[in-house]
Amino acid sequence: MPDRIVGAGELTAEDAKLVTLARGARARVGAAEGASVRDQDGRTYAAATVALPHLAVTALQLAVASAVAAGASALEAAAVVTGAATLDAAGHAAVRDLSAAAPIHLAGADGVLLGTVTA
């Protein structure tokens, strides 16, 4: 579970890009959530929730998996666009597997920042 969510504030241009990528991933397939991450080299990865009868992966888990599959060893930041009011524990844990301190920005479907998980 997220340790701490701080209130909505201003995003850097790089983090705003993550929200835009997450919104696009969500909208393309009409998924419940979209997510994106930025790795230690500045590369970005976006994904949407997968909910099949025999496979369920959160958008954030899939974005992290895509980054790792491409060779990422650390994350600088992440963003999730969702209709939910909280960050899912599985996605949070996936980000923390690569970075103890990367901010995870939570935004609504309209892209408005709801808050940031900092730990």
Protein backbone atom coordinates (compact mmCIF):
# COMPACT_ATOMS: atom_id res chain seq x y z
CA MET A 1 0.00 0.00 0.00
CA PRO A 2 1.14 3.55 -0.58
CA ASP A 3 2.90 4.94 2.45
CA ARG A 4 2.23 8.59 1.85
CA ILE A 5 0.18 10.53 -0.65
CA VAL A 6 0.83 14.24 -0.83
CA GLY A 7 -1.69 16.68 -2.24
CA ALA A 8 -1.99 17.71 -5.83
CA GLY A 9 0.57 20.22 -6.97
CA GLU A 10 2.55 21.25 -9.99
CA LEU A 11 4.26 18.61 -12.10
CA THR A 12 7.56 19.07 -13.87
CA ALA A 13 7.36 18.95 -17.66
CA GLU A 14 8.87 15.44 -17.61
CA ASP A 15 6.29 14.20 -15.11
CA ALA A 16 3.42 15.89 -16.98
CA LYS A 17 4.57 13.90 -20.03
CA LEU A 18 4.14 10.70 -17.99
CA VAL A 19 0.53 11.64 -17.23
CA THR A 20 -0.10 12.36 -20.92
CA LEU A 21 1.36 8.99 -21.92
CA ALA A 22 -0.72 7.19 -19.28
CA ARG A 23 -3.89 8.94 -20.46
CA GLY A 24 -3.17 7.90 -24.03
CA ALA A 25 -2.54 4.26 -23.10
CA ARG A 26 -5.81 4.15 -21.14
CA ALA A 27 -7.85 5.81 -23.87
CA ARG A 28 -6.50 3.69 -26.74
CA VAL A 29 -8.08 0.52 -25.40
CA GLY A 30 -10.71 1.90 -23.03
CA ALA A 31 -8.92 0.34 -20.05
CA ALA A 32 -9.67 0.96 -16.41
CA GLU A 33 -6.20 2.45 -15.93
CA GLY A 34 -3.24 3.71 -17.89
CA ALA A 35 0.26 4.10 -16.53
CA SER A 36 3.71 5.17 -17.57
CA VAL A 37 7.18 5.11 -16.08
CA ARG A 38 10.48 6.85 -16.80
CA ASP A 39 13.67 4.86 -16.32
CA GLN A 40 17.15 5.91 -15.21
CA ASP A 41 18.06 6.86 -18.79
CA GLY A 42 14.95 8.99 -19.37
CA ARG A 43 13.20 6.40 -21.54
CA THR A 44 9.45 6.13 -21.06
CA TYR A 45 7.11 3.14 -21.13
CA ALA A 46 3.31 3.28 -21.17
CA ALA A 47 0.74 0.54 -20.64
CA ALA A 48 -2.92 -0.12 -19.91
CA THR A 49 -4.63 -2.53 -17.56
CA VAL A 50 -4.96 -6.08 -18.87
CA ALA A 51 -8.01 -7.93 -17.57
CA LEU A 52 -8.47 -11.29 -19.28
CA PRO A 53 -10.03 -14.43 -17.85
CA HIS A 54 -6.57 -15.97 -17.34
CA LEU A 55 -4.35 -12.90 -17.07
CA ALA A 56 -4.75 -9.81 -14.95
CA VAL A 57 -2.02 -7.16 -14.80
CA THR A 58 -2.35 -3.60 -13.57
CA ALA A 59 -1.28 -0.82 -15.90
CA LEU A 60 1.56 0.15 -13.58
CA GLN A 61 2.81 -3.44 -13.27
CA LEU A 62 2.85 -3.73 -17.06
CA ALA A 63 4.66 -0.41 -17.53
CA VAL A 64 7.30 -1.50 -15.01
CA ALA A 65 7.59 -4.91 -16.70
CA SER A 66 8.07 -3.23 -20.08
CA ALA A 67 10.84 -1.05 -18.64
CA VAL A 68 12.59 -4.04 -17.07
CA ALA A 69 12.26 -6.05 -20.30
CA ALA A 70 13.99 -3.19 -22.11
CA GLY A 71 16.88 -3.23 -19.63
CA ALA A 72 15.88 -0.63 -17.05
CA SER A 73 17.39 -1.12 -13.62
CA ALA A 74 15.86 1.92 -11.89
CA LEU A 75 12.89 4.27 -12.24
CA GLU A 76 12.87 8.04 -11.88
CA ALA A 77 9.07 8.51 -11.76
CA ALA A 78 5.73 6.94 -12.61
CA ALA A 79 2.18 8.07 -13.31
CA VAL A 80 -1.19 6.32 -13.16
CA VAL A 81 -4.40 7.64 -14.71
CA THR A 82 -7.46 6.05 -13.17
CA GLY A 83 -11.02 6.52 -12.06
CA ALA A 84 -10.09 5.07 -8.66
CA ALA A 85 -9.28 7.27 -5.69
CA THR A 86 -6.24 5.28 -4.61
CA LEU A 87 -3.18 3.62 -6.06
CA ASP A 88 -3.32 -0.16 -6.30
CA ALA A 89 -0.92 -2.01 -3.99
CA ALA A 90 0.46 -4.30 -6.73
CA GLY A 91 1.47 -1.41 -8.99
CA HIS A 92 2.97 0.48 -6.06
CA ALA A 93 5.02 -2.58 -5.11
CA ALA A 94 6.26 -3.04 -8.69
CA VAL A 95 7.62 0.51 -8.78
CA ARG A 96 9.25 0.05 -5.36
CA ASP A 97 11.01 -3.08 -6.63
CA LEU A 98 13.13 -0.72 -8.78
CA SER A 99 13.08 2.50 -6.78
CA ALA A 100 12.41 3.22 -3.13
CA ALA A 101 11.87 6.91 -3.76
CA ALA A 102 10.48 7.47 -7.27
CA PRO A 103 7.33 9.60 -7.10
CA ILE A 104 4.16 7.94 -8.36
CA HIS A 105 1.71 10.55 -9.61
CA LEU A 106 -1.99 9.62 -9.44
CA ALA A 107 -4.25 11.48 -11.86
CA GLY A 108 -7.91 11.33 -12.74
CA ALA A 109 -9.22 10.38 -16.18
CA ASP A 110 -9.11 14.07 -17.12
CA GLY A 111 -5.37 14.19 -16.35
CA VAL A 112 -5.77 16.36 -13.26
CA LEU A 113 -3.28 15.39 -10.59
CA LEU A 114 -4.94 13.91 -7.50
CA GLY A 115 -1.76 13.40 -5.51
CA THR A 116 1.68 11.87 -5.44
CA VAL A 117 2.88 8.78 -3.59
CA THR A 118 6.32 9.58 -2.26
CA ALA A 119 7.31 6.45 -0.35
